[in-house]
Amino acid sequence: MKTEVSPAAENEVVLSVEVPQEAVAQMYARTLTRLAREVQLPGFRKGKVPRAMALSRLGEDYVRGETLNDALPEWYDAALKEAGVDAVSLPDLDLGDFDEKEPFSFTATVQVRPVPVLGEYKGLEVPRRAAEVTDGQVDAQLAMLQERFASLQPVEDRPIGHGDFVLMDLAGSTNGEPIEGAQAKDYMAQIGRGALIPGFEEALHGVGRGEQKSFDVTFPDDYHAEELRGSPATFDVTVKEIKEKVVPALDDQFATEASEFETIDELRADVRGRLQAAAEAAAEQEFRARALDAAVERATVTVPPAMIERQAHDLYHDLEEEIGERGLTMEQYLTLLQKTEKEVEEELHPRAEHTIKRRLVLEAVIAAEGLEVTDDEVRERIKADAELLGRDPNQLVLDVYKSGRHEQVREELLIAKAVDLIADSAVPVPLEDEAEPDAGAEAGEVAVDAPAGADTPAEAAVEDDVPDAAKETAGEAGAEAETTEKAGSTDGE
C-alpha cells in the first residue's frame, strides 16, 4: 500500500492512499466468502451457498459496497501507521471508483495531534501567595468546633425568640379543609432559619411554652405544590417545648472535652498549625499550577477542534457523575441552569482546551528533557498505593502488570516529573493585589476532624506527588491509588 501525506491546514493533513490490486482482490474474495456463508438460498443449507451463486443473487454493486465497508477501516488504519500520523478526528473520506480488478485509491482528511513549540519553561518567575493564618481564621475554626459541641437546653422563663428550637404540634388548613402534609405532631423547627413558609416563624415570636396560637400565612408563588401556590392558609400551633442552643465556652474544660489537649492554648496552637499547614499546601499547589500555566503561555500550540470537543464531552460526563453523587440527575441540573446539554458542553470548551494544552506541553517537556520512569519507580508507586488501599503490595503489583495498567501509572509519574521540573525550577515572586485567603470549610474540616498527627486521606497523600496541575493534564485521571485499585479489580478478585 502506498501512502502520501500532504498538509491541508494547521493540524490537518490529507492522506492519499493507493491500495494495490492484489490486496483489493483479496479483500473482495474475503467479503464474498462471508456473504456466501450468510445468504440463504432455496435448496442450500446456510453457509453452503457457492460464491458464484451468492454473487449472482446479491449483485456486484452490493458485494463491492460490502467490501469497502469491510476494508476501509483496515486500510485507513494501515495508512495512518505507515505515514506515522497521529489522527485526533474521524476522517473525511473521498473514495475513488472500486473495482476488484484494479488498484483502489482514496483520500482521508484528518485533524492531527499538534506538537507544541516550547518556549521558556525553566526558571520562570511565578507569583506565590504568602501562606499566612490570621487570628480571625483560627477563631472561625474554633467557633465551628464549638458549634459541634453545642447542646439544646430547655427554656422555661421566656417565650420563643430568634434562633430557638421549638417542638410543636401544628395543623394547617385552607378554606376550612386540612392541608395534606401540613399536619404534624412533635415537629421541631429552628426559628429564624427560614425553613418554613414566609410568615410562619415570625408568627411564633413571643409565644410561650404550652401556649396555642392561630395565624394566617400565604403560600409563596413558587411553592413546590402547585395547588397551594399563592393560597392563604391558617395554622393552629401548640408550643410544647422551647430550647436554645448553648455553645460551650472556649476554656480548658472545652479543650479537654473536644480534643486530646488539656488547655485551650494548646488547642488553639494546634488549630493554627493545621491551618498553617493547609495554607502552605494550598499556596504550593497554586504556585505549581501557575508555573505550569506560565510554561503553557510561553509555548506555541493550537488545539484541533476535534480534541477540544472530545475533551469537553469527557468533562461533561465527569460533571454528570459529580451531579449524580449529589443526588441529582443531569436533567434536573440542566433544568436548574435553564441550559441544554450542548450549551453546557460548549461552555466547557475553554477548560477543555486549557487541559489539552497543559498535557501537550508536559509531553513536549518530557521529550525535550528525556525524562523516564523506571520499572522500579512504577513498582514503588504501586506498592505505596497498596499501603493506602490496604492491599498486599506484591499482589497489587502483579494485578496491575497483568491488567496492563502499569503503563498508565508510568505515564502519570512521567507527567508528575515534568510538573516537578517546571515548578521546582520556578522562581517565586510576591503575588500582587493579594487577597486574604479564605478560612473555608475545607480547612475547618481538617482542623476539627483530624486529631493531631493524623495522616491525611489517601488521595491527598498521592496528590503530594501528582499535584492538581498534573492530574488535570492527565485527563482528570485522579490519584494513582485509584488507578491501581481499578487495575487490581479487573482480574476478578
Protein backbone atom coordinates (compact mmCIF):
# COMPACT_ATOMS: atom_id res chain seq x y z
CA MET A 1 0.00 0.00 0.00
CA LYS A 2 1.31 3.44 -0.93
CA THR A 3 0.53 6.43 1.32
CA GLU A 4 1.43 10.07 0.79
CA VAL A 5 0.83 12.85 3.32
CA SER A 6 0.27 16.49 2.45
CA PRO A 7 -0.69 19.38 4.73
CA ALA A 8 -4.22 20.73 4.35
CA ALA A 9 -4.41 23.32 7.14
CA GLU A 10 -3.00 23.85 10.60
CA ASN A 11 -3.07 20.50 12.42
CA GLU A 12 -4.78 18.91 9.41
CA VAL A 13 -3.37 16.62 6.73
CA VAL A 14 -4.57 14.72 3.68
CA LEU A 15 -3.62 11.06 3.30
CA SER A 16 -3.53 9.93 -0.33
CA VAL A 17 -3.72 6.14 -0.28
CA GLU A 18 -3.37 3.64 -3.12
CA VAL A 19 -4.21 0.00 -2.40
CA PRO A 20 -2.63 -2.49 -4.86
CA GLN A 21 -4.93 -4.65 -6.97
CA GLU A 22 -3.82 -7.83 -5.22
CA ALA A 23 -4.94 -6.51 -1.83
CA VAL A 24 -8.22 -5.29 -3.34
CA ALA A 25 -8.94 -8.67 -4.90
CA GLN A 26 -8.06 -10.47 -1.67
CA MET A 27 -10.44 -8.30 0.36
CA TYR A 28 -13.17 -8.73 -2.29
CA ALA A 29 -12.81 -12.51 -2.11
CA ARG A 30 -12.90 -12.45 1.69
CA THR A 31 -16.07 -10.39 1.73
CA LEU A 32 -17.73 -12.57 -0.91
CA THR A 33 -16.92 -15.66 1.16
CA ARG A 34 -18.52 -14.06 4.22
CA LEU A 35 -21.63 -13.10 2.29
CA ALA A 36 -21.92 -16.60 0.81
CA ARG A 37 -21.97 -18.02 4.34
CA GLU A 38 -24.65 -15.56 5.42
CA VAL A 39 -27.01 -15.62 2.42
CA GLN A 40 -29.91 -18.09 2.31
CA LEU A 41 -31.00 -19.67 -0.96
CA PRO A 42 -33.64 -22.36 -1.56
CA GLY A 43 -32.10 -25.81 -1.81
CA PHE A 44 -28.92 -24.90 0.12
CA ARG A 45 -28.13 -25.14 3.80
CA LYS A 46 -26.98 -21.88 5.37
CA GLY A 47 -23.26 -21.47 4.85
CA LYS A 48 -23.17 -23.86 1.90
CA VAL A 49 -24.15 -21.47 -0.91
CA PRO A 50 -21.47 -21.35 -3.66
CA ARG A 51 -19.78 -17.96 -4.00
CA ALA A 52 -20.77 -17.61 -7.65
CA MET A 53 -24.44 -18.11 -6.79
CA ALA A 54 -24.20 -15.69 -3.87
CA LEU A 55 -22.65 -13.09 -6.21
CA SER A 56 -25.41 -13.66 -8.76
CA ARG A 57 -28.08 -13.30 -6.09
CA LEU A 58 -26.63 -10.23 -4.35
CA GLY A 59 -25.18 -8.39 -7.34
CA GLU A 60 -21.70 -6.99 -7.94
CA ASP A 61 -22.50 -3.48 -6.65
CA TYR A 62 -23.70 -4.84 -3.31
CA VAL A 63 -20.64 -7.06 -2.88
CA ARG A 64 -18.30 -4.20 -3.77
CA GLY A 65 -20.06 -1.92 -1.28
CA GLU A 66 -19.73 -4.54 1.45
CA THR A 67 -16.07 -4.99 0.54
CA LEU A 68 -15.47 -1.28 1.05
CA ASN A 69 -17.28 -1.39 4.41
CA ASP A 70 -15.05 -4.26 5.48
CA ALA A 71 -11.82 -2.94 4.05
CA LEU A 72 -11.78 0.81 4.62
CA PRO A 73 -11.20 0.70 8.42
CA GLU A 74 -8.25 -1.68 7.90
CA TRP A 75 -6.77 0.26 5.01
CA TYR A 76 -7.20 3.58 6.80
CA ASP A 77 -5.52 2.30 9.99
CA ALA A 78 -2.70 0.80 7.94
CA ALA A 79 -2.21 4.14 6.15
CA LEU A 80 -2.02 6.01 9.47
CA LYS A 81 0.64 3.63 10.75
CA GLU A 82 2.60 3.71 7.50
CA ALA A 83 2.60 7.52 7.46
CA GLY A 84 3.16 7.91 11.21
CA VAL A 85 0.12 10.17 11.51
CA ASP A 86 -1.50 10.63 14.95
CA ALA A 87 -5.10 11.38 13.96
CA VAL A 88 -7.42 13.00 16.53
CA SER A 89 -10.58 13.18 14.43
CA LEU A 90 -12.66 10.94 12.25
CA PRO A 91 -11.52 11.05 8.63
CA ASP A 92 -13.30 12.93 5.87
CA LEU A 93 -13.07 10.32 3.11
CA ASP A 94 -13.08 10.82 -0.64
CA LEU A 95 -13.33 7.43 -2.35
CA GLY A 96 -12.31 6.52 -5.88
CA ASP A 97 -14.10 4.01 -8.08
CA PHE A 98 -13.95 0.49 -6.71
CA ASP A 99 -13.24 -2.46 -8.99
CA GLU A 100 -11.73 -5.65 -7.65
CA LYS A 101 -9.68 -5.96 -10.84
CA GLU A 102 -7.99 -2.57 -10.34
CA PRO A 103 -5.98 -0.78 -7.64
CA PHE A 104 -8.16 1.33 -5.34
CA SER A 105 -7.39 4.91 -4.31
CA PHE A 106 -8.89 7.14 -1.64
CA THR A 107 -8.02 10.24 0.34
CA ALA A 108 -8.62 10.89 4.04
CA THR A 109 -8.54 14.38 5.54
CA VAL A 110 -7.93 14.28 9.28
CA GLN A 111 -7.02 16.55 12.15
CA VAL A 112 -3.74 15.53 13.76
CA ARG A 113 -2.26 15.81 17.23
CA PRO A 114 -0.30 19.06 17.44
CA VAL A 115 3.33 19.23 18.50
CA PRO A 116 3.92 22.31 20.68
CA VAL A 117 6.85 24.62 20.15
CA LEU A 118 8.19 25.10 23.65
CA GLY A 119 9.16 28.49 24.97
CA GLU A 120 10.90 29.00 28.29
CA TYR A 121 9.76 26.55 30.92
CA LYS A 122 12.58 26.54 33.47
CA GLY A 123 13.48 29.32 35.86
CA LEU A 124 10.23 31.19 35.30
CA GLU A 125 9.22 33.95 37.71
CA VAL A 126 5.89 32.89 39.16
CA PRO A 127 3.68 34.73 41.70
CA ARG A 128 3.32 32.88 45.00
CA ARG A 129 0.71 33.64 47.64
CA ALA A 130 2.01 34.11 51.17
CA ALA A 131 0.76 31.36 53.47
CA GLU A 132 -0.46 33.38 56.43
CA VAL A 133 -3.05 32.50 59.04
CA THR A 134 -4.87 35.26 60.89
CA ASP A 135 -6.33 35.22 64.39
CA GLY A 136 -9.75 35.59 62.77
CA GLN A 137 -9.28 32.38 60.84
CA VAL A 138 -8.27 30.50 63.97
CA ASP A 139 -11.29 31.93 65.81
CA ALA A 140 -13.56 30.83 62.95
CA GLN A 141 -12.31 27.23 63.17
CA LEU A 142 -12.71 27.17 66.94
CA ALA A 143 -16.22 28.54 66.53
CA MET A 144 -17.02 25.66 64.19
CA LEU A 145 -15.76 23.24 66.83
CA GLN A 146 -17.85 24.99 69.47
CA GLU A 147 -20.93 24.54 67.29
CA ARG A 148 -20.28 20.82 67.11
CA PHE A 149 -20.26 20.57 70.86
CA ALA A 150 -23.26 22.84 71.37
CA SER A 151 -26.29 21.45 73.20
CA LEU A 152 -30.01 22.26 73.28
CA GLN A 153 -31.20 23.37 76.72
CA PRO A 154 -34.89 23.78 77.73
CA VAL A 155 -36.18 27.35 78.10
CA GLU A 156 -38.65 27.85 80.96
CA ASP A 157 -38.63 31.55 81.72
CA ARG A 158 -39.26 33.29 78.39
CA PRO A 159 -41.22 32.99 75.12
CA ILE A 160 -39.85 32.00 71.72
CA GLY A 161 -37.04 34.14 70.37
CA HIS A 162 -34.82 34.17 67.29
CA GLY A 163 -32.65 31.07 66.99
CA ASP A 164 -34.73 28.95 69.38
CA PHE A 165 -35.65 25.36 68.60
CA VAL A 166 -39.36 24.76 69.04
CA LEU A 167 -41.15 21.44 69.45
CA MET A 168 -44.75 21.89 68.32
CA ASP A 169 -47.96 20.31 67.11
CA LEU A 170 -49.31 22.03 64.01
CA ALA A 171 -52.34 21.79 61.77
CA GLY A 172 -52.73 23.75 58.55
CA SER A 173 -55.97 24.36 56.69
CA THR A 174 -57.26 26.35 53.76
CA ASN A 175 -60.91 27.28 53.34
CA GLY A 176 -61.61 25.15 56.41
CA GLU A 177 -60.16 21.98 54.85
CA PRO A 178 -57.00 20.32 56.26
CA ILE A 179 -53.94 20.64 54.05
CA GLU A 180 -52.32 17.34 53.21
CA GLY A 181 -48.77 17.31 54.54
CA ALA A 182 -49.40 20.24 56.88
CA GLN A 183 -50.44 18.18 59.91
CA ALA A 184 -47.72 17.17 62.37
CA LYS A 185 -47.09 16.11 65.96
CA ASP A 186 -43.83 16.84 67.79
CA TYR A 187 -42.44 18.81 64.87
CA MET A 188 -39.10 20.51 65.59
CA ALA A 189 -38.07 23.72 63.83
CA GLN A 190 -35.48 26.41 64.40
CA ILE A 191 -36.95 29.88 64.43
CA GLY A 192 -35.14 32.26 62.11
CA ARG A 193 -33.64 29.59 59.89
CA GLY A 194 -36.15 30.31 57.13
CA ALA A 195 -37.04 26.66 56.53
CA LEU A 196 -40.81 27.22 56.84
CA ILE A 197 -43.12 29.22 54.60
CA PRO A 198 -42.84 33.03 54.93
CA GLY A 199 -44.58 34.43 57.99
CA PHE A 200 -44.77 31.13 59.91
CA GLU A 201 -41.66 31.53 62.01
CA GLU A 202 -42.30 35.21 62.60
CA ALA A 203 -45.79 34.42 63.93
CA LEU A 204 -44.29 32.28 66.70
CA HIS A 205 -42.14 35.03 68.18
CA GLY A 206 -43.33 35.80 71.70
CA VAL A 207 -45.36 32.58 72.11
CA GLY A 208 -44.63 30.75 75.38
CA ARG A 209 -44.27 27.08 76.27
CA GLY A 210 -47.69 25.36 76.45
CA GLU A 211 -49.43 28.17 74.56
CA GLN A 212 -51.51 27.90 71.43
CA LYS A 213 -51.72 30.32 68.53
CA SER A 214 -53.67 30.52 65.28
CA PHE A 215 -52.38 32.69 62.45
CA ASP A 216 -52.75 33.19 58.73
CA VAL A 217 -49.99 32.89 56.13
CA THR A 218 -49.86 32.74 52.33
CA PHE A 219 -48.04 30.04 50.41
CA PRO A 220 -45.37 31.55 48.12
CA ASP A 221 -45.92 31.65 44.38
CA ASP A 222 -43.01 29.25 43.82
CA TYR A 223 -44.15 26.68 46.40
CA HIS A 224 -43.39 23.11 45.30
CA ALA A 225 -47.07 22.03 45.49
CA GLU A 226 -48.69 23.83 42.58
CA GLU A 227 -52.20 23.61 44.03
CA LEU A 228 -51.10 25.64 47.08
CA ARG A 229 -49.14 28.37 45.31
CA GLY A 230 -50.42 31.79 46.37
CA SER A 231 -53.12 30.27 48.56
CA PRO A 232 -53.96 31.65 52.03
CA ALA A 233 -53.75 29.18 54.91
CA THR A 234 -54.48 29.09 58.63
CA PHE A 235 -52.21 27.28 61.04
CA ASP A 236 -53.09 26.20 64.57
CA VAL A 237 -49.90 25.66 66.57
CA THR A 238 -49.35 24.34 70.09
CA VAL A 239 -45.89 25.03 71.50
CA LYS A 240 -44.75 22.03 73.56
CA GLU A 241 -41.09 22.83 74.21
CA ILE A 242 -38.69 25.70 73.65
CA LYS A 243 -34.96 25.03 73.54
CA GLU A 244 -31.99 27.26 72.99
CA LYS A 245 -28.60 26.31 71.64
CA VAL A 246 -25.89 26.68 74.27
CA VAL A 247 -22.35 26.92 72.94
CA PRO A 248 -19.59 25.86 75.36
CA ALA A 249 -17.08 28.46 76.46
CA LEU A 250 -13.60 28.39 74.96
CA ASP A 251 -11.78 27.27 78.08
CA ASP A 252 -9.55 24.44 79.27
CA GLN A 253 -12.56 22.22 80.04
CA PHE A 254 -13.76 22.60 76.46
CA ALA A 255 -10.29 21.76 75.14
CA THR A 256 -10.26 18.58 77.22
CA GLU A 257 -13.71 17.51 76.02
CA ALA A 258 -13.24 18.41 72.35
CA SER A 259 -9.66 17.27 71.78
CA GLU A 260 -6.67 15.44 73.20
CA PHE A 261 -5.31 18.71 74.62
CA GLU A 262 -5.58 19.86 78.23
CA THR A 263 -5.63 23.62 77.70
CA ILE A 264 -7.37 25.96 75.29
CA ASP A 265 -3.99 27.48 74.38
CA GLU A 266 -2.75 24.08 73.24
CA LEU A 267 -5.89 23.51 71.19
CA ARG A 268 -5.63 26.97 69.66
CA ALA A 269 -1.99 26.34 68.75
CA ASP A 270 -2.89 23.02 67.13
CA VAL A 271 -5.68 24.62 65.09
CA ARG A 272 -3.31 27.38 63.98
CA GLY A 273 -0.72 24.80 63.00
CA ARG A 274 -3.21 22.84 60.94
CA LEU A 275 -4.47 25.97 59.21
CA GLN A 276 -0.88 27.00 58.53
CA ALA A 277 -0.10 23.61 57.02
CA ALA A 278 -3.26 23.77 54.89
CA ALA A 279 -2.44 27.33 53.79
CA GLU A 280 1.09 26.34 52.84
CA ALA A 281 -0.13 23.30 50.93
CA ALA A 282 -2.70 25.42 49.09
CA ALA A 283 -0.11 28.08 48.29
CA GLU A 284 2.28 25.42 46.98
CA GLN A 285 -0.42 23.85 44.85
CA GLU A 286 -1.39 27.22 43.41
CA PHE A 287 2.26 28.06 42.76
CA ARG A 288 2.84 24.79 40.88
CA ALA A 289 -0.29 25.32 38.79
CA ARG A 290 0.79 28.90 37.98
CA ALA A 291 4.26 27.68 37.00
CA LEU A 292 2.77 25.15 34.60
CA ASP A 293 0.39 27.75 33.18
CA ALA A 294 3.31 30.13 32.66
CA ALA A 295 5.11 27.44 30.66
CA VAL A 296 1.96 26.82 28.63
CA GLU A 297 1.58 30.54 27.90
CA ARG A 298 5.14 30.66 26.55
CA ALA A 299 4.59 27.67 24.29
CA THR A 300 3.04 27.83 20.84
CA VAL A 301 0.30 25.29 20.29
CA THR A 302 -3.08 25.26 18.58
CA VAL A 303 -5.51 22.56 19.64
CA PRO A 304 -7.63 20.99 16.88
CA PRO A 305 -11.40 21.39 17.34
CA ALA A 306 -11.93 17.63 17.46
CA MET A 307 -9.67 17.29 20.50
CA ILE A 308 -11.48 20.12 22.28
CA GLU A 309 -14.89 18.65 21.55
CA ARG A 310 -13.88 15.22 22.78
CA GLN A 311 -12.31 16.60 25.96
CA ALA A 312 -15.37 18.80 26.62
CA HIS A 313 -17.55 15.73 26.16
CA ASP A 314 -15.46 13.85 28.73
CA LEU A 315 -15.66 16.79 31.15
CA TYR A 316 -19.43 16.86 30.71
CA HIS A 317 -19.68 13.22 31.73
CA ASP A 318 -17.39 13.86 34.69
CA LEU A 319 -19.81 16.62 35.69
CA GLU A 320 -22.70 14.21 35.23
CA GLU A 321 -21.09 11.78 37.70
CA GLU A 322 -20.49 14.58 40.22
CA ILE A 323 -24.09 15.72 39.94
CA GLY A 324 -25.27 12.15 40.44
CA GLU A 325 -23.22 11.85 43.62
CA ARG A 326 -25.15 14.85 44.94
CA GLY A 327 -28.46 13.11 44.36
CA LEU A 328 -29.48 14.95 41.19
CA THR A 329 -29.99 13.76 37.66
CA MET A 330 -28.36 15.68 34.83
CA GLU A 331 -31.83 16.50 33.53
CA GLN A 332 -32.68 18.18 36.84
CA TYR A 333 -29.36 20.03 36.85
CA LEU A 334 -29.87 21.31 33.31
CA THR A 335 -33.38 22.43 34.26
CA LEU A 336 -31.97 24.43 37.17
CA LEU A 337 -29.41 26.02 34.86
CA GLN A 338 -32.04 26.51 32.15
CA LYS A 339 -29.49 25.23 29.62
CA THR A 340 -29.17 22.33 27.21
CA GLU A 341 -26.51 19.62 27.20
CA LYS A 342 -25.00 21.20 24.08
CA GLU A 343 -24.80 24.62 25.74
CA VAL A 344 -23.07 23.22 28.84
CA GLU A 345 -20.58 21.28 26.71
CA GLU A 346 -19.81 24.43 24.71
CA GLU A 347 -19.17 26.31 27.96
CA LEU A 348 -16.67 23.59 28.88
CA HIS A 349 -14.65 24.19 25.70
CA PRO A 350 -12.22 26.75 27.22
CA ARG A 351 -11.45 24.46 30.14
CA ALA A 352 -11.07 21.51 27.77
CA GLU A 353 -8.66 23.44 25.55
CA HIS A 354 -6.59 24.53 28.56
CA THR A 355 -6.43 20.96 29.86
CA ILE A 356 -5.21 19.68 26.50
CA LYS A 357 -2.61 22.44 26.16
CA ARG A 358 -1.22 21.58 29.58
CA ARG A 359 -0.97 17.94 28.63
CA LEU A 360 0.67 18.63 25.27
CA VAL A 361 3.24 20.99 26.78
CA LEU A 362 4.10 18.50 29.52
CA GLU A 363 4.56 15.76 26.92
CA ALA A 364 6.85 18.08 24.95
CA VAL A 365 8.88 18.80 28.11
CA ILE A 366 9.18 15.06 28.77
CA ALA A 367 10.55 14.57 25.27
CA ALA A 368 12.86 17.61 25.41
CA GLU A 369 14.34 16.61 28.76
CA GLY A 370 14.44 12.89 28.03
CA LEU A 371 12.51 12.14 31.21
CA GLU A 372 11.99 8.49 32.04
CA VAL A 373 10.27 6.39 34.68
CA THR A 374 11.92 3.09 35.54
CA ASP A 375 10.12 -0.15 36.29
CA ASP A 376 11.36 0.15 39.88
CA GLU A 377 9.66 3.54 40.19
CA VAL A 378 6.41 2.12 38.81
CA ARG A 379 6.51 -0.78 41.26
CA GLU A 380 7.32 1.51 44.19
CA ARG A 381 4.38 3.73 43.32
CA ILE A 382 2.03 0.76 43.10
CA LYS A 383 3.31 -0.57 46.44
CA ALA A 384 2.80 2.84 48.04
CA ASP A 385 -0.74 2.87 46.72
CA ALA A 386 -1.28 -0.65 48.07
CA GLU A 387 -0.48 0.64 51.54
CA LEU A 388 -3.06 3.39 51.18
CA LEU A 389 -5.63 0.93 49.84
CA GLY A 390 -4.99 -1.77 52.42
CA ARG A 391 -3.87 -4.22 49.75
CA ASP A 392 -0.98 -6.67 49.64
CA PRO A 393 1.80 -4.70 47.82
CA ASN A 394 3.25 -7.59 45.84
CA GLN A 395 -0.17 -8.88 44.82
CA LEU A 396 -1.25 -5.43 43.67
CA VAL A 397 1.92 -5.11 41.58
CA LEU A 398 1.11 -8.42 39.91
CA ASP A 399 -2.51 -7.43 39.33
CA VAL A 400 -1.61 -4.05 37.82
CA TYR A 401 1.02 -5.51 35.49
CA LYS A 402 -1.29 -8.33 34.47
CA SER A 403 -4.01 -5.85 33.54
CA GLY A 404 -1.53 -3.75 31.55
CA ARG A 405 -2.33 -0.61 33.52
CA HIS A 406 1.22 -0.23 34.80
CA GLU A 407 1.83 1.90 31.70
CA GLN A 408 -0.86 4.30 32.88
CA VAL A 409 0.94 4.54 36.22
CA ARG A 410 4.21 5.16 34.33
CA GLU A 411 2.55 7.87 32.25
CA GLU A 412 1.17 9.63 35.32
CA LEU A 413 4.57 9.51 37.01
CA LEU A 414 6.15 10.99 33.87
CA ILE A 415 3.62 13.83 33.91
CA ALA A 416 4.39 14.41 37.59
CA LYS A 417 8.13 14.55 36.84
CA ALA A 418 7.54 17.15 34.15
CA VAL A 419 5.44 19.26 36.54
CA ASP A 420 8.15 18.91 39.21
CA LEU A 421 10.83 20.05 36.75
CA ILE A 422 8.86 23.18 35.82
CA ALA A 423 7.66 24.04 39.34
CA ASP A 424 10.88 23.24 41.22
CA SER A 425 12.90 25.48 38.91
CA ALA A 426 10.38 28.34 39.08
CA VAL A 427 11.36 31.48 41.00
CA PRO A 428 8.62 32.67 43.39
CA VAL A 429 7.78 36.38 43.38
CA PRO A 430 5.24 38.21 45.57
CA LEU A 431 1.65 38.00 44.40
CA GLU A 432 0.36 41.47 43.53
CA ASP A 433 -3.02 42.59 44.87
CA GLU A 434 -3.10 39.51 47.04
CA ALA A 435 -6.48 38.83 48.61
CA GLU A 436 -6.61 37.40 52.09
CA PRO A 437 -7.12 33.63 51.83
CA ASP A 438 -10.48 32.41 52.99
CA ALA A 439 -10.67 30.21 56.07
CA GLY A 440 -13.14 28.00 54.28
CA ALA A 441 -14.94 24.90 55.34
CA GLU A 442 -12.29 22.58 53.95
CA ALA A 443 -9.60 23.99 56.19
CA GLY A 444 -12.05 23.87 59.06
CA GLU A 445 -12.76 20.23 58.46
CA VAL A 446 -9.07 19.43 58.55
CA ALA A 447 -8.57 21.32 61.77
CA VAL A 448 -11.64 19.96 63.51
CA ASP A 449 -11.95 16.39 62.34
CA ALA A 450 -8.40 15.09 62.37
CA PRO A 451 -6.60 14.56 65.69
CA ALA A 452 -3.10 15.91 65.97
CA GLY A 453 -0.57 13.91 63.99
CA ALA A 454 -3.19 12.07 61.94
CA ASP A 455 -2.37 11.14 58.36
CA THR A 456 -4.16 12.93 55.56
CA PRO A 457 -6.53 10.89 53.35
CA ALA A 458 -5.05 8.54 50.80
CA GLU A 459 -5.99 10.82 47.96
CA ALA A 460 -4.07 13.71 49.50
CA ALA A 461 -1.02 11.56 50.01
CA VAL A 462 -0.95 10.69 46.35
CA GLU A 463 -1.70 14.27 45.32
CA ASP A 464 1.51 15.34 47.08
CA ASP A 465 3.38 13.59 44.28
CA VAL A 466 0.94 14.36 41.50
CA PRO A 467 -0.44 17.87 42.08
CA ASP A 468 -3.69 19.11 40.60
CA ALA A 469 -1.83 20.67 37.71
CA ALA A 470 -0.56 17.26 36.69
CA LYS A 471 -3.79 15.43 37.42
CA GLU A 472 -5.84 17.79 35.30
CA THR A 473 -3.49 17.37 32.35
CA ALA A 474 -3.82 13.63 32.66
CA GLY A 475 -7.45 13.93 31.65
CA GLU A 476 -8.70 14.41 35.21
CA ALA A 477 -7.29 10.96 35.91
CA GLY A 478 -7.18 11.26 39.68
CA ALA A 479 -4.69 9.68 42.00
CA GLU A 480 -2.62 6.66 41.09
CA ALA A 481 -4.13 4.84 44.02
CA GLU A 482 -7.46 4.82 42.22
CA THR A 483 -5.74 3.72 39.02
CA THR A 484 -4.01 0.79 40.62
CA GLU A 485 -7.10 -0.20 42.58
CA LYS A 486 -9.12 -0.36 39.38
CA ALA A 487 -6.37 -2.32 37.70
CA GLY A 488 -6.32 -4.80 40.54
CA SER A 489 -10.07 -5.28 40.32
CA THR A 490 -10.00 -6.21 36.66
CA ASP A 491 -8.82 -9.70 37.50
CA GLY A 492 -11.94 -10.56 39.44
CA GLU A 493 -10.52 -10.74 42.90
